[in-house]
């Protein structure tokens, strides 16, 4: 993991097209601004994790449904 120090209004650039700026620092909370192309999804980690879990569950349900259909053909 790369660890960088930034102050308010300072930014980092990722992959030439994503800019992350420190907007505010208040106590232990940091507010970030993110400029990225619309084609680049940006999620909070906890939301991303929920999406991944939901996709995994849906995939498992699909596998079970397909297996049930295969057994009906026998």
PDB file of N, CA and C in Angstrom:
ATOM      1  N   UNK A   1       0.840  -1.170   0.000  1.00  0.00           N
ATOM      2  CA  UNK A   1       0.000   0.000   0.000  1.00  0.00           C
ATOM      3  C   UNK A   1       0.894   1.245   0.000  1.00  0.00           C
ATOM      4  N   UNK A   2       0.560   2.179  -0.831  1.00  0.00           N
ATOM      5  CA  UNK A   2       1.255   3.457  -0.879  1.00  0.00           C
ATOM      6  C   UNK A   2       0.591   4.397   0.122  1.00  0.00           C
ATOM      7  N   UNK A   3       1.349   4.984   1.023  1.00  0.00           N
ATOM      8  CA  UNK A   3       0.822   5.937   2.000  1.00  0.00           C
ATOM      9  C   UNK A   3       1.371   7.321   1.668  1.00  0.00           C
ATOM     10  N   UNK A   4       0.475   8.287   1.487  1.00  0.00           N
ATOM     11  CA  UNK A   4       0.860   9.650   1.135  1.00  0.00           C
ATOM     12  C   UNK A   4       0.320  10.629   2.157  1.00  0.00           C
ATOM     13  N   UNK A   5       1.056  11.686   2.400  1.00  0.00           N
ATOM     14  CA  UNK A   5       0.571  12.778   3.248  1.00  0.00           C
ATOM     15  C   UNK A   5       0.080  13.898   2.343  1.00  0.00           C
ATOM     16  N   UNK A   6      -1.097  14.406   2.606  1.00  0.00           N
ATOM     17  CA  UNK A   6      -1.668  15.507   1.835  1.00  0.00           C
ATOM     18  C   UNK A   6      -2.327  16.471   2.814  1.00  0.00           C
ATOM     19  N   UNK A   7      -2.346  17.735   2.450  1.00  0.00           N
ATOM     20  CA  UNK A   7      -3.027  18.763   3.233  1.00  0.00           C
ATOM     21  C   UNK A   7      -4.286  19.194   2.500  1.00  0.00           C
ATOM     22  N   UNK A   8      -5.115  19.977   3.191  1.00  0.00           N
ATOM     23  CA  UNK A   8      -6.339  20.475   2.580  1.00  0.00           C
ATOM     24  C   UNK A   8      -6.030  21.130   1.237  1.00  0.00           C
ATOM     25  N   UNK A   9      -6.873  20.851   0.262  1.00  0.00           N
ATOM     26  CA  UNK A   9      -6.773  21.361  -1.112  1.00  0.00           C
ATOM     27  C   UNK A   9      -5.635  20.759  -1.918  1.00  0.00           C
ATOM     28  N   UNK A  10      -4.894  19.787  -1.372  1.00  0.00           N
ATOM     29  CA  UNK A  10      -3.888  19.079  -2.146  1.00  0.00           C
ATOM     30  C   UNK A  10      -4.532  17.818  -2.736  1.00  0.00           C
ATOM     31  N   UNK A  11      -3.943  17.311  -3.801  1.00  0.00           N
ATOM     32  CA  UNK A  11      -4.551  16.192  -4.527  1.00  0.00           C
ATOM     33  C   UNK A  11      -3.509  15.166  -4.935  1.00  0.00           C
ATOM     34  N   UNK A  12      -4.007  14.016  -5.353  1.00  0.00           N
ATOM     35  CA  UNK A  12      -3.184  13.003  -6.007  1.00  0.00           C
ATOM     36  C   UNK A  12      -3.874  12.639  -7.319  1.00  0.00           C
ATOM     37  N   UNK A  13      -3.103  12.171  -8.266  1.00  0.00           N
ATOM     38  CA  UNK A  13      -3.623  11.738  -9.564  1.00  0.00           C
ATOM     39  C   UNK A  13      -3.366  10.247  -9.701  1.00  0.00           C
ATOM     40  N   UNK A  14      -4.404   9.521 -10.128  1.00  0.00           N
ATOM     41  CA  UNK A  14      -4.305   8.077 -10.340  1.00  0.00           C
ATOM     42  C   UNK A  14      -4.583   7.789 -11.808  1.00  0.00           C
ATOM     43  N   UNK A  15      -3.685   7.083 -12.442  1.00  0.00           N
ATOM     44  CA  UNK A  15      -3.866   6.615 -13.818  1.00  0.00           C
ATOM     45  C   UNK A  15      -4.184   7.737 -14.813  1.00  0.00           C
ATOM     46  N   UNK A  16      -3.638   8.917 -14.619  1.00  0.00           N
ATOM     47  CA  UNK A  16      -3.798  10.063 -15.523  1.00  0.00           C
ATOM     48  C   UNK A  16      -5.210  10.616 -15.643  1.00  0.00           C
ATOM     49  N   UNK A  17      -6.226   9.970 -15.055  1.00  0.00           N
ATOM     50  CA  UNK A  17      -7.585  10.464 -15.262  1.00  0.00           C
ATOM     51  C   UNK A  17      -8.457  10.453 -13.998  1.00  0.00           C
ATOM     52  N   UNK A  18      -7.871  10.177 -12.847  1.00  0.00           N
ATOM     53  CA  UNK A  18      -8.616  10.195 -11.594  1.00  0.00           C
ATOM     54  C   UNK A  18      -7.877  11.113 -10.631  1.00  0.00           C
ATOM     55  N   UNK A  19      -8.584  12.113 -10.123  1.00  0.00           N
ATOM     56  CA  UNK A  19      -7.989  13.059  -9.187  1.00  0.00           C
ATOM     57  C   UNK A  19      -8.711  12.956  -7.849  1.00  0.00           C
ATOM     58  N   UNK A  20      -7.947  12.754  -6.783  1.00  0.00           N
ATOM     59  CA  UNK A  20      -8.489  12.688  -5.430  1.00  0.00           C
ATOM     60  C   UNK A  20      -7.939  13.883  -4.666  1.00  0.00           C
ATOM     61  N   UNK A  21      -8.857  14.741  -4.183  1.00  0.00           N
ATOM     62  CA  UNK A  21      -8.482  15.975  -3.498  1.00  0.00           C
ATOM     63  C   UNK A  21      -8.959  15.933  -2.054  1.00  0.00           C
ATOM     64  N   UNK A  22      -8.139  16.426  -1.146  1.00  0.00           N
ATOM     65  CA  UNK A  22      -8.539  16.576   0.249  1.00  0.00           C
ATOM     66  C   UNK A  22      -9.364  17.859   0.335  1.00  0.00           C
ATOM     67  N   UNK A  23     -10.635  17.738   0.671  1.00  0.00           N
ATOM     68  CA  UNK A  23     -11.515  18.894   0.743  1.00  0.00           C
ATOM     69  C   UNK A  23     -11.538  19.480   2.153  1.00  0.00           C
ATOM     70  N   UNK A  24     -11.551  18.590   3.152  1.00  0.00           N
ATOM     71  CA  UNK A  24     -11.666  19.062   4.528  1.00  0.00           C
ATOM     72  C   UNK A  24     -11.103  18.017   5.482  1.00  0.00           C
ATOM     73  N   UNK A  25     -10.483  18.478   6.538  1.00  0.00           N
ATOM     74  CA  UNK A  25     -10.031  17.608   7.614  1.00  0.00           C
ATOM     75  C   UNK A  25     -10.645  18.164   8.896  1.00  0.00           C
ATOM     76  N   UNK A  26     -11.462  17.325   9.544  1.00  0.00           N
ATOM     77  CA  UNK A  26     -12.132  17.747  10.767  1.00  0.00           C
ATOM     78  C   UNK A  26     -11.999  16.623  11.784  1.00  0.00           C
ATOM     79  N   UNK A  27     -11.149  16.804  12.797  1.00  0.00           N
ATOM     80  CA  UNK A  27     -10.924  15.749  13.783  1.00  0.00           C
ATOM     81  C   UNK A  27     -10.328  14.531  13.108  1.00  0.00           C
ATOM     82  N   UNK A  28     -10.993  13.371  13.285  1.00  0.00           N
ATOM     83  CA  UNK A  28     -10.501  12.134  12.659  1.00  0.00           C
ATOM     84  C   UNK A  28     -11.217  11.835  11.342  1.00  0.00           C
ATOM     85  N   UNK A  29     -11.930  12.802  10.800  1.00  0.00           N
ATOM     86  CA  UNK A  29     -12.654  12.601   9.544  1.00  0.00           C
ATOM     87  C   UNK A  29     -12.026  13.435   8.434  1.00  0.00           C
ATOM     88  N   UNK A  30     -11.887  12.812   7.264  1.00  0.00           N
ATOM     89  CA  UNK A  30     -11.323  13.484   6.093  1.00  0.00           C
ATOM     90  C   UNK A  30     -12.366  13.436   4.985  1.00  0.00           C
ATOM     91  N   UNK A  31     -12.641  14.573   4.382  1.00  0.00           N
ATOM     92  CA  UNK A  31     -13.594  14.623   3.271  1.00  0.00           C
ATOM     93  C   UNK A  31     -12.802  14.677   1.975  1.00  0.00           C
ATOM     94  N   UNK A  32     -13.085  13.745   1.087  1.00  0.00           N
ATOM     95  CA  UNK A  32     -12.380  13.632  -0.191  1.00  0.00           C
ATOM     96  C   UNK A  32     -13.279  14.055  -1.338  1.00  0.00           C
ATOM     97  N   UNK A  33     -12.673  14.661  -2.337  1.00  0.00           N
ATOM     98  CA  UNK A  33     -13.352  14.909  -3.600  1.00  0.00           C
ATOM     99  C   UNK A  33     -12.698  14.041  -4.653  1.00  0.00           C
ATOM    100  N   UNK A  34     -13.524  13.388  -5.483  1.00  0.00           N
ATOM    101  CA  UNK A  34     -12.985  12.469  -6.491  1.00  0.00           C
ATOM    102  C   UNK A  34     -13.504  12.878  -7.862  1.00  0.00           C
ATOM    103  N   UNK A  35     -12.597  13.186  -8.775  1.00  0.00           N
ATOM    104  CA  UNK A  35     -12.950  13.452 -10.169  1.00  0.00           C
ATOM    105  C   UNK A  35     -12.495  12.247 -10.973  1.00  0.00           C
ATOM    106  N   UNK A  36     -13.447  11.603 -11.630  1.00  0.00           N
ATOM    107  CA  UNK A  36     -13.127  10.421 -12.439  1.00  0.00           C
ATOM    108  C   UNK A  36     -14.080  10.376 -13.627  1.00  0.00           C
ATOM    109  N   UNK A  37     -13.677   9.733 -14.709  1.00  0.00           N
ATOM    110  CA  UNK A  37     -14.596   9.564 -15.838  1.00  0.00           C
ATOM    111  C   UNK A  37     -15.859   8.816 -15.395  1.00  0.00           C
ATOM    112  N   UNK A  38     -16.972   9.122 -16.049  1.00  0.00           N
ATOM    113  CA  UNK A  38     -18.230   8.459 -15.688  1.00  0.00           C
ATOM    114  C   UNK A  38     -18.159   6.945 -15.847  1.00  0.00           C
ATOM    115  N   UNK A  39     -17.249   6.477 -16.683  1.00  0.00           N
ATOM    116  CA  UNK A  39     -17.102   5.039 -16.907  1.00  0.00           C
ATOM    117  C   UNK A  39     -16.386   4.335 -15.755  1.00  0.00           C
ATOM    118  N   UNK A  40     -15.837   5.099 -14.805  1.00  0.00           N
ATOM    119  CA  UNK A  40     -15.107   4.523 -13.675  1.00  0.00           C
ATOM    120  C   UNK A  40     -16.019   4.536 -12.443  1.00  0.00           C
ATOM    121  N   UNK A  41     -16.466   3.368 -11.996  1.00  0.00           N
ATOM    122  CA  UNK A  41     -17.308   3.352 -10.802  1.00  0.00           C
ATOM    123  C   UNK A  41     -16.479   3.681  -9.552  1.00  0.00           C
ATOM    124  N   UNK A  42     -17.068   4.481  -8.668  1.00  0.00           N
ATOM    125  CA  UNK A  42     -16.415   4.849  -7.415  1.00  0.00           C
ATOM    126  C   UNK A  42     -17.380   4.520  -6.283  1.00  0.00           C
ATOM    127  N   UNK A  43     -16.964   3.649  -5.362  1.00  0.00           N
ATOM    128  CA  UNK A  43     -17.804   3.208  -4.257  1.00  0.00           C
ATOM    129  C   UNK A  43     -17.061   3.362  -2.940  1.00  0.00           C
ATOM    130  N   UNK A  44     -17.806   3.591  -1.859  1.00  0.00           N
ATOM    131  CA  UNK A  44     -17.228   3.407  -0.534  1.00  0.00           C
ATOM    132  C   UNK A  44     -16.991   1.913  -0.382  1.00  0.00           C
ATOM    133  N   UNK A  45     -15.948   1.537   0.335  1.00  0.00           N
ATOM    134  CA  UNK A  45     -15.568   0.126   0.428  1.00  0.00           C
ATOM    135  C   UNK A  45     -16.697  -0.736   0.970  1.00  0.00           C
ATOM    136  N   UNK A  46     -17.410  -0.267   2.010  1.00  0.00           N
ATOM    137  CA  UNK A  46     -18.480  -1.088   2.584  1.00  0.00           C
ATOM    138  C   UNK A  46     -19.609  -1.329   1.585  1.00  0.00           C
ATOM    139  N   UNK A  47     -19.885  -0.363   0.719  1.00  0.00           N
ATOM    140  CA  UNK A  47     -20.906  -0.543  -0.315  1.00  0.00           C
ATOM    141  C   UNK A  47     -20.401  -1.528  -1.368  1.00  0.00           C
ATOM    142  N   UNK A  48     -19.149  -1.377  -1.777  1.00  0.00           N
ATOM    143  CA  UNK A  48     -18.549  -2.288  -2.758  1.00  0.00           C
ATOM    144  C   UNK A  48     -18.590  -3.732  -2.260  1.00  0.00           C
ATOM    145  N   UNK A  49     -18.278  -3.930  -0.970  1.00  0.00           N
ATOM    146  CA  UNK A  49     -18.305  -5.270  -0.382  1.00  0.00           C
ATOM    147  C   UNK A  49     -19.711  -5.845  -0.428  1.00  0.00           C
ATOM    148  N   UNK A  50     -20.725  -5.036  -0.118  1.00  0.00           N
ATOM    149  CA  UNK A  50     -22.110  -5.509  -0.174  1.00  0.00           C
ATOM    150  C   UNK A  50     -22.502  -5.898  -1.598  1.00  0.00           C
ATOM    151  N   UNK A  51     -22.085  -5.120  -2.567  1.00  0.00           N
ATOM    152  CA  UNK A  51     -22.384  -5.429  -3.969  1.00  0.00           C
ATOM    153  C   UNK A  51     -21.744  -6.761  -4.358  1.00  0.00           C
ATOM    154  N   UNK A  52     -20.481  -6.958  -3.972  1.00  0.00           N
ATOM    155  CA  UNK A  52     -19.785  -8.204  -4.295  1.00  0.00           C
ATOM    156  C   UNK A  52     -20.481  -9.407  -3.654  1.00  0.00           C
ATOM    157  N   UNK A  53     -20.902  -9.267  -2.399  1.00  0.00           N
ATOM    158  CA  UNK A  53     -21.592 -10.360  -1.708  1.00  0.00           C
ATOM    159  C   UNK A  53     -22.926 -10.671  -2.379  1.00  0.00           C
ATOM    160  N   UNK A  54     -23.671  -9.633  -2.758  1.00  0.00           N
ATOM    161  CA  UNK A  54     -24.953  -9.843  -3.433  1.00  0.00           C
ATOM    162  C   UNK A  54     -24.742 -10.537  -4.778  1.00  0.00           C
ATOM    163  N   UNK A  55     -23.700 -10.141  -5.508  1.00  0.00           N
ATOM    164  CA  UNK A  55     -23.404 -10.788  -6.795  1.00  0.00           C
ATOM    165  C   UNK A  55     -23.026 -12.252  -6.599  1.00  0.00           C
ATOM    166  N   UNK A  56     -22.266 -12.536  -5.554  1.00  0.00           N
ATOM    167  CA  UNK A  56     -21.869 -13.920  -5.272  1.00  0.00           C
ATOM    168  C   UNK A  56     -23.091 -14.772  -4.938  1.00  0.00           C
ATOM    169  N   UNK A  57     -23.996 -14.235  -4.117  1.00  0.00           N
ATOM    170  CA  UNK A  57     -25.216 -14.965  -3.760  1.00  0.00           C
ATOM    171  C   UNK A  57     -26.072 -15.221  -4.995  1.00  0.00           C
ATOM    172  N   UNK A  58     -26.201 -14.215  -5.859  1.00  0.00           N
ATOM    173  CA  UNK A  58     -26.996 -14.377  -7.073  1.00  0.00           C
ATOM    174  C   UNK A  58     -26.375 -15.435  -7.979  1.00  0.00           C
ATOM    175  N   UNK A  59     -25.067 -15.464  -8.047  1.00  0.00           N
ATOM    176  CA  UNK A  59     -24.379 -16.461  -8.858  1.00  0.00           C
ATOM    177  C   UNK A  59     -24.627 -17.870  -8.327  1.00  0.00           C
ATOM    178  N   UNK A  60     -24.559 -18.023  -7.009  1.00  0.00           N
ATOM    179  CA  UNK A  60     -24.812 -19.331  -6.395  1.00  0.00           C
ATOM    180  C   UNK A  60     -26.249 -19.782  -6.651  1.00  0.00           C
ATOM    181  N   UNK A  61     -27.206 -18.850  -6.546  1.00  0.00           N
ATOM    182  CA  UNK A  61     -28.605 -19.193  -6.802  1.00  0.00           C
ATOM    183  C   UNK A  61     -28.797 -19.629  -8.247  1.00  0.00           C
ATOM    184  N   UNK A  62     -28.123 -18.962  -9.170  1.00  0.00           N
ATOM    185  CA  UNK A  62     -28.215 -19.320 -10.583  1.00  0.00           C
ATOM    186  C   UNK A  62     -27.641 -20.718 -10.813  1.00  0.00           C
ATOM    187  N   UNK A  63     -26.509 -21.021 -10.183  1.00  0.00           N
ATOM    188  CA  UNK A  63     -25.904 -22.349 -10.317  1.00  0.00           C
ATOM    189  C   UNK A  63     -26.859 -23.422  -9.797  1.00  0.00           C
ATOM    190  N   UNK A  64     -27.495 -23.151  -8.653  1.00  0.00           N
ATOM    191  CA  UNK A  64     -28.433 -24.123  -8.072  1.00  0.00           C
ATOM    192  C   UNK A  64     -29.635 -24.324  -8.991  1.00  0.00           C
ATOM    193  N   UNK A  65     -30.135 -23.231  -9.572  1.00  0.00           N
ATOM    194  CA  UNK A  65     -31.276 -23.327 -10.484  1.00  0.00           C
ATOM    195  C   UNK A  65     -30.907 -24.140 -11.716  1.00  0.00           C
ATOM    196  N   UNK A  66     -29.730 -23.902 -12.276  1.00  0.00           N
ATOM    197  CA  UNK A  66     -29.298 -24.651 -13.441  1.00  0.00           C
ATOM    198  C   UNK A  66     -29.128 -26.141 -13.115  1.00  0.00           C
ATOM    199  N   UNK A  67     -28.597 -26.440 -11.935  1.00  0.00           N
ATOM    200  CA  UNK A  67     -28.434 -27.817 -11.530  1.00  0.00           C
ATOM    201  C   UNK A  67     -29.786 -28.507 -11.378  1.00  0.00           C
ATOM    202  N   UNK A  68     -30.753 -27.794 -10.829  1.00  0.00           N
ATOM    203  CA  UNK A  68     -32.105 -28.340 -10.670  1.00  0.00           C
ATOM    204  C   UNK A  68     -32.717 -28.615 -12.045  1.00  0.00           C
ATOM    205  N   UNK A  69     -32.544 -27.708 -12.973  1.00  0.00           N
ATOM    206  CA  UNK A  69     -33.083 -27.908 -14.325  1.00  0.00           C
ATOM    207  C   UNK A  69     -32.422 -29.089 -15.024  1.00  0.00           C
ATOM    208  N   UNK A  70     -31.122 -29.268 -14.831  1.00  0.00           N
ATOM    209  CA  UNK A  70     -30.423 -30.399 -15.420  1.00  0.00           C
ATOM    210  C   UNK A  70     -30.965 -31.713 -14.845  1.00  0.00           C
ATOM    211  N   UNK A  71     -31.252 -31.741 -13.561  1.00  0.00           N
ATOM    212  CA  UNK A  71     -31.778 -32.955 -12.924  1.00  0.00           C
ATOM    213  C   UNK A  71     -33.181 -33.269 -13.401  1.00  0.00           C
ATOM    214  N   UNK A  72     -33.956 -32.266 -13.754  1.00  0.00           N
ATOM    215  CA  UNK A  72     -35.318 -32.500 -14.253  1.00  0.00           C
ATOM    216  C   UNK A  72     -35.305 -33.145 -15.631  1.00  0.00           C
ATOM    217  N   UNK A  73     -34.263 -32.900 -16.412  1.00  0.00           N
ATOM    218  CA  UNK A  73     -34.153 -33.453 -17.754  1.00  0.00           C
ATOM    219  C   UNK A  73     -33.796 -34.941 -17.730  1.00  0.00           C
ATOM    220  N   UNK A  74     -33.297 -35.445 -16.602  1.00  0.00           N
ATOM    221  CA  UNK A  74     -32.855 -36.842 -16.528  1.00  0.00           C
ATOM    222  C   UNK A  74     -34.006 -37.772 -16.428  1.00  0.00           C
TER     223      UNK A  74
END
